[in-house]
């Protein structure tokens, strides 16, 4: 299977496009976004309600195989002074769990400072009610994380 932009995998002798997944990891939910086949645009697809690590992995596994994911970009919440706090340490632990469960998939952490704030601001500007914002904010944060990653890796 391909592992990056403009690469393809094969399945049953046919060429298939691969995608990148973006994750916004929270205590209660995981926002999930997926790139298009060309690695240009991120689309929010779901918010996973967290129960336990087994449930998290199973939920992600279904998406990974359904969408043919070759890389996962996890939002990495650094402190504003560039240090790693408790949330960052939890993200590192989660990425290690993903590496063990999906050894064929590249796992990348991506600086997500202020991503949730940007998602909240976007939803407020779009006049989305507070109750409705809570339902989609993690998914939108995942889109912003993945889109930032995709934009930084565009070829000239």
Protein backbone atom coordinates (compact mmCIF):
# COMPACT_ATOMS: atom_id res chain seq x y z
CA UNK A 1 0.00 0.00 0.00
CA UNK A 2 1.25 3.52 -0.73
CA UNK A 3 2.25 5.75 2.13
CA UNK A 4 1.92 9.31 0.93
CA UNK A 5 0.79 11.92 -1.52
CA UNK A 6 0.40 10.85 -5.10
CA UNK A 7 1.12 7.23 -4.21
CA UNK A 8 -1.19 4.32 -4.73
CA UNK A 9 -1.57 0.91 -3.31
CA UNK A 10 -2.81 -2.18 -5.04
CA UNK A 11 -5.56 -4.53 -4.07
CA UNK A 12 -6.39 -7.58 -6.16
CA UNK A 13 -4.17 -6.24 -8.95
CA UNK A 14 -6.06 -2.92 -9.18
CA UNK A 15 -4.60 0.46 -8.38
CA UNK A 16 -6.31 2.17 -5.45
CA UNK A 17 -5.89 5.62 -3.97
CA UNK A 18 -4.89 6.01 -0.35
CA UNK A 19 -6.00 8.62 2.14
CA UNK A 20 -4.76 10.33 5.28
CA UNK A 21 -6.78 10.46 8.51
CA UNK A 22 -6.71 13.38 10.95
CA UNK A 23 -7.61 12.96 14.62
CA UNK A 24 -8.49 15.45 17.33
CA UNK A 25 -8.07 13.46 20.53
CA UNK A 26 -10.17 14.51 23.51
CA UNK A 27 -11.14 12.96 26.82
CA UNK A 28 -14.74 12.24 25.79
CA UNK A 29 -14.53 12.17 21.98
CA UNK A 30 -12.21 11.75 19.02
CA UNK A 31 -12.87 14.01 16.04
CA UNK A 32 -12.10 12.28 12.74
CA UNK A 33 -11.31 13.78 9.35
CA UNK A 34 -10.11 12.11 6.14
CA UNK A 35 -8.35 13.54 3.10
CA UNK A 36 -9.51 13.14 -0.45
CA UNK A 37 -7.57 10.63 -2.58
CA UNK A 38 -5.18 13.32 -3.84
CA UNK A 39 -4.26 14.55 -0.36
CA UNK A 40 -5.53 18.08 -1.03
CA UNK A 41 -8.71 18.57 1.00
CA UNK A 42 -9.72 17.35 4.47
CA UNK A 43 -13.32 16.33 5.17
CA UNK A 44 -14.81 15.78 8.62
CA UNK A 45 -16.46 12.38 8.79
CA UNK A 46 -17.41 11.59 12.39
CA UNK A 47 -16.94 12.08 16.09
CA UNK A 48 -16.24 8.92 18.07
CA UNK A 49 -17.68 8.85 21.58
CA UNK A 50 -14.91 7.38 23.75
CA UNK A 51 -15.66 4.45 26.04
CA UNK A 52 -12.37 2.60 26.44
CA UNK A 53 -9.22 2.05 24.39
CA UNK A 54 -10.58 -1.15 22.84
CA UNK A 55 -13.66 0.69 21.60
CA UNK A 56 -11.51 3.57 20.29
CA UNK A 57 -9.27 1.21 18.32
CA UNK A 58 -12.20 -0.79 16.91
CA UNK A 59 -13.98 2.39 15.82
CA UNK A 60 -10.84 3.70 14.13
CA UNK A 61 -10.10 0.29 12.57
CA UNK A 62 -13.42 0.33 10.75
CA UNK A 63 -12.71 3.77 9.27
CA UNK A 64 -9.08 2.91 8.44
CA UNK A 65 -10.04 -0.11 6.35
CA UNK A 66 -13.17 1.42 4.84
CA UNK A 67 -11.32 4.58 3.71
CA UNK A 68 -7.99 2.88 2.88
CA UNK A 69 -5.97 5.02 5.27
CA UNK A 70 -2.18 5.02 4.83
CA UNK A 71 -1.26 7.68 7.39
CA UNK A 72 -2.77 9.10 10.58
CA UNK A 73 -2.11 12.66 11.70
CA UNK A 74 -2.91 13.23 15.37
CA UNK A 75 -3.27 16.72 16.77
CA UNK A 76 -0.46 17.26 19.27
CA UNK A 77 -1.43 19.82 21.93
CA UNK A 78 1.77 21.61 22.91
CA UNK A 79 1.76 24.40 25.44
CA UNK A 80 2.21 27.92 24.08
CA UNK A 81 5.82 27.92 25.35
CA UNK A 82 6.48 24.78 23.24
CA UNK A 83 6.59 22.40 26.22
CA UNK A 84 4.62 19.17 26.42
CA UNK A 85 1.98 19.05 29.13
CA UNK A 86 -0.37 16.32 30.35
CA UNK A 87 -2.56 16.42 27.20
CA UNK A 88 0.51 16.10 25.02
CA UNK A 89 1.72 13.10 27.01
CA UNK A 90 -1.67 11.42 26.59
CA UNK A 91 -1.45 12.05 22.85
CA UNK A 92 2.00 10.44 22.70
CA UNK A 93 0.67 7.40 24.59
CA UNK A 94 -2.32 7.14 22.22
CA UNK A 95 -0.08 7.40 19.14
CA UNK A 96 2.08 4.54 20.52
CA UNK A 97 -1.06 2.43 20.95
CA UNK A 98 -2.01 3.19 17.34
CA UNK A 99 1.47 2.19 16.14
CA UNK A 100 1.15 -1.17 17.90
CA UNK A 101 -2.34 -1.81 16.53
CA UNK A 102 -1.66 -0.53 12.99
CA UNK A 103 2.05 -1.15 12.28
CA UNK A 104 1.50 -0.73 8.53
CA UNK A 105 0.25 2.84 8.97
CA UNK A 106 2.50 5.85 9.49
CA UNK A 107 1.52 7.83 12.60
CA UNK A 108 2.39 11.55 12.67
CA UNK A 109 1.81 14.10 15.42
CA UNK A 110 0.93 17.62 14.29
CA UNK A 111 1.08 20.80 16.36
CA UNK A 112 -2.54 21.71 17.05
CA UNK A 113 -2.16 24.75 19.28
CA UNK A 114 -5.33 26.84 19.16
CA UNK A 115 -7.07 24.49 16.71
CA UNK A 116 -10.09 23.97 18.95
CA UNK A 117 -10.28 27.75 19.49
CA UNK A 118 -10.24 28.28 15.72
CA UNK A 119 -12.95 25.64 15.27
CA UNK A 120 -15.09 27.31 17.96
CA UNK A 121 -14.61 30.74 16.37
CA UNK A 122 -15.55 29.38 12.94
CA UNK A 123 -18.75 27.84 14.28
CA UNK A 124 -19.68 31.02 16.17
CA UNK A 125 -19.13 33.10 13.04
CA UNK A 126 -21.39 30.67 11.17
CA UNK A 127 -24.10 31.30 13.80
CA UNK A 128 -24.14 27.69 14.95
CA UNK A 129 -25.96 27.33 18.27
CA UNK A 130 -23.88 26.37 21.32
CA UNK A 131 -25.71 23.03 21.66
CA UNK A 132 -24.99 22.20 18.01
CA UNK A 133 -21.36 23.37 18.25
CA UNK A 134 -20.62 20.72 20.88
CA UNK A 135 -21.71 18.03 18.42
CA UNK A 136 -19.30 19.05 15.66
CA UNK A 137 -16.41 20.97 17.22
CA UNK A 138 -14.09 17.94 17.54
CA UNK A 139 -14.77 16.88 13.96
CA UNK A 140 -14.04 20.43 12.73
CA UNK A 141 -10.86 20.54 14.84
CA UNK A 142 -9.78 17.27 13.15
CA UNK A 143 -10.41 18.89 9.76
CA UNK A 144 -8.27 21.91 10.71
CA UNK A 145 -5.46 19.66 11.98
CA UNK A 146 -5.46 17.52 8.84
CA UNK A 147 -5.84 20.47 6.48
CA UNK A 148 -2.88 22.20 8.13
CA UNK A 149 -0.82 19.07 7.62
CA UNK A 150 -1.93 18.66 4.00
CA UNK A 151 -1.22 22.33 3.20
CA UNK A 152 2.28 22.09 4.68
CA UNK A 153 3.08 19.08 2.50
CA UNK A 154 1.85 20.37 -0.86
CA UNK A 155 4.36 20.13 -3.61
CA UNK A 156 5.22 23.35 -5.47
